[in-house]
Amino acid sequence: MNKLEDLQNRSRIELLNFIEQIKNLQDSNIASKLNYQLHIVTNREEIDIMTLTGIDVKGYTHNLSGGSVNHINIRHGANGVHDDSMAFTEDIARIAFVLENYHSVRCKS
């Protein structure tokens, strides 16, 4: 395993641990105080967001809040009220991959 793969694997494990930590909290209100930094916004994202919105996001980061993890579990978890599309911790952890490898981005009209 090369250094990049090792770093990516460690980051994935840290994200999985964060998600499990949120899921196992006795008091779900504490989740809103916890946050996990996914990655710094890439040059491609900066350009796409600037083009669509006129907002400069240079230096911004993608973050996953504990409150977002709770939302995902309630709405899309194993017993989600909407669906069960994010039933497994691994499903939620894919958010970092999706953000880093998106095909396109558009504004919701």
Protein backbone atom coordinates (compact mmCIF):
# COMPACT_ATOMS: atom_id res chain seq x y z
CA MET A 1 0.00 0.00 0.00
CA ASN A 2 1.43 3.40 -0.96
CA LYS A 3 1.31 6.52 1.21
CA LEU A 4 -1.76 7.98 -0.55
CA GLU A 5 -3.73 4.74 -0.18
CA ASP A 6 -2.68 4.53 3.47
CA LEU A 7 -3.84 8.12 4.09
CA GLN A 8 -7.15 7.49 2.31
CA ASN A 9 -7.71 4.31 4.31
CA ARG A 10 -6.99 6.09 7.62
CA SER A 11 -9.34 8.94 6.66
CA ARG A 12 -12.08 6.43 5.79
CA ILE A 13 -11.63 4.63 9.12
CA GLU A 14 -11.76 7.95 11.01
CA LEU A 15 -14.99 8.89 9.20
CA LEU A 16 -16.53 5.48 9.93
CA ASN A 17 -15.58 5.90 13.60
CA PHE A 18 -17.14 9.38 13.69
CA ILE A 19 -20.40 8.08 12.21
CA GLU A 20 -20.51 5.18 14.69
CA GLN A 21 -19.77 7.60 17.55
CA ILE A 22 -22.78 9.71 16.54
CA LYS A 23 -25.03 6.68 16.14
CA ASN A 24 -24.10 5.45 19.63
CA LEU A 25 -24.65 8.71 21.52
CA GLN A 26 -27.08 8.43 24.41
CA ASP A 27 -28.11 12.07 23.94
CA SER A 28 -28.69 12.88 20.26
CA ASN A 29 -28.58 16.62 21.04
CA ILE A 30 -24.84 16.32 21.60
CA ALA A 31 -24.45 15.30 17.94
CA SER A 32 -25.11 18.85 16.75
CA LYS A 33 -21.96 19.94 18.57
CA LEU A 34 -19.75 17.39 16.80
CA ASN A 35 -18.27 17.82 13.34
CA TYR A 36 -16.00 15.88 11.00
CA GLN A 37 -13.94 17.66 8.33
CA LEU A 38 -14.12 15.64 5.12
CA HIS A 39 -11.77 17.65 2.90
CA ILE A 40 -10.87 21.11 1.65
CA VAL A 41 -12.94 22.28 -1.32
CA THR A 42 -11.03 21.41 -4.50
CA ASN A 43 -10.14 23.80 -7.33
CA ARG A 44 -12.74 22.11 -9.53
CA GLU A 45 -15.43 22.64 -6.89
CA GLU A 46 -14.35 26.27 -6.41
CA ILE A 47 -14.74 26.95 -10.14
CA ASP A 48 -18.06 25.09 -10.44
CA ILE A 49 -19.57 26.86 -7.42
CA MET A 50 -18.28 30.27 -8.50
CA THR A 51 -19.67 29.74 -12.00
CA LEU A 52 -23.10 28.72 -10.71
CA THR A 53 -23.51 31.07 -7.76
CA GLY A 54 -20.88 33.78 -7.90
CA ILE A 55 -19.75 32.72 -4.41
CA ASP A 56 -16.02 32.30 -3.80
CA VAL A 57 -15.50 29.18 -1.65
CA LYS A 58 -11.69 29.11 -1.86
CA GLY A 59 -10.35 27.77 1.43
CA TYR A 60 -13.70 26.32 2.53
CA THR A 61 -14.03 22.75 3.74
CA HIS A 62 -16.63 20.01 3.40
CA ASN A 63 -17.83 18.95 6.83
CA LEU A 64 -20.20 16.30 8.11
CA SER A 65 -22.01 17.37 11.26
CA GLY A 66 -23.31 14.95 13.84
CA GLY A 67 -26.74 16.45 13.25
CA SER A 68 -26.48 15.49 9.58
CA VAL A 69 -25.60 11.93 10.54
CA ASN A 70 -28.68 11.82 12.77
CA HIS A 71 -30.83 13.23 9.95
CA ILE A 72 -29.52 10.58 7.55
CA ASN A 73 -30.22 7.81 10.06
CA ILE A 74 -33.73 9.02 10.86
CA ARG A 75 -34.76 9.62 7.25
CA HIS A 76 -32.68 7.04 5.35
CA GLY A 77 -31.25 4.56 7.89
CA ALA A 78 -32.21 0.93 8.45
CA ASN A 79 -35.62 2.05 9.78
CA GLY A 80 -35.75 5.34 7.90
CA VAL A 81 -39.05 7.16 7.61
CA HIS A 82 -38.34 7.97 3.95
CA ASP A 83 -36.31 4.96 2.78
CA ASP A 84 -33.44 2.73 3.88
CA SER A 85 -30.92 3.85 1.24
CA MET A 86 -28.30 4.63 3.91
CA ALA A 87 -28.90 1.65 6.17
CA PHE A 88 -25.21 0.92 6.73
CA THR A 89 -22.43 3.11 8.13
CA GLU A 90 -20.44 2.43 4.94
CA ASP A 91 -23.26 4.01 2.92
CA ILE A 92 -22.97 7.27 4.84
CA ALA A 93 -19.17 7.19 4.69
CA ARG A 94 -19.32 7.23 0.89
CA ILE A 95 -20.20 10.93 1.10
CA ALA A 96 -16.51 11.83 0.94
CA PHE A 97 -16.02 9.79 -2.25
CA VAL A 98 -19.13 11.26 -3.85
CA LEU A 99 -18.05 14.84 -3.10
CA GLU A 100 -14.56 14.22 -4.42
CA ASN A 101 -15.74 12.42 -7.58
CA TYR A 102 -18.95 14.15 -8.63
CA HIS A 103 -19.93 14.18 -12.30
CA SER A 104 -21.77 17.49 -12.36
CA VAL A 105 -23.27 20.14 -10.15
CA ARG A 106 -26.28 22.38 -10.69
CA CYS A 107 -28.38 24.88 -8.80
CA LYS A 108 -31.79 23.74 -7.68
CA SER A 109 -34.37 25.94 -9.33
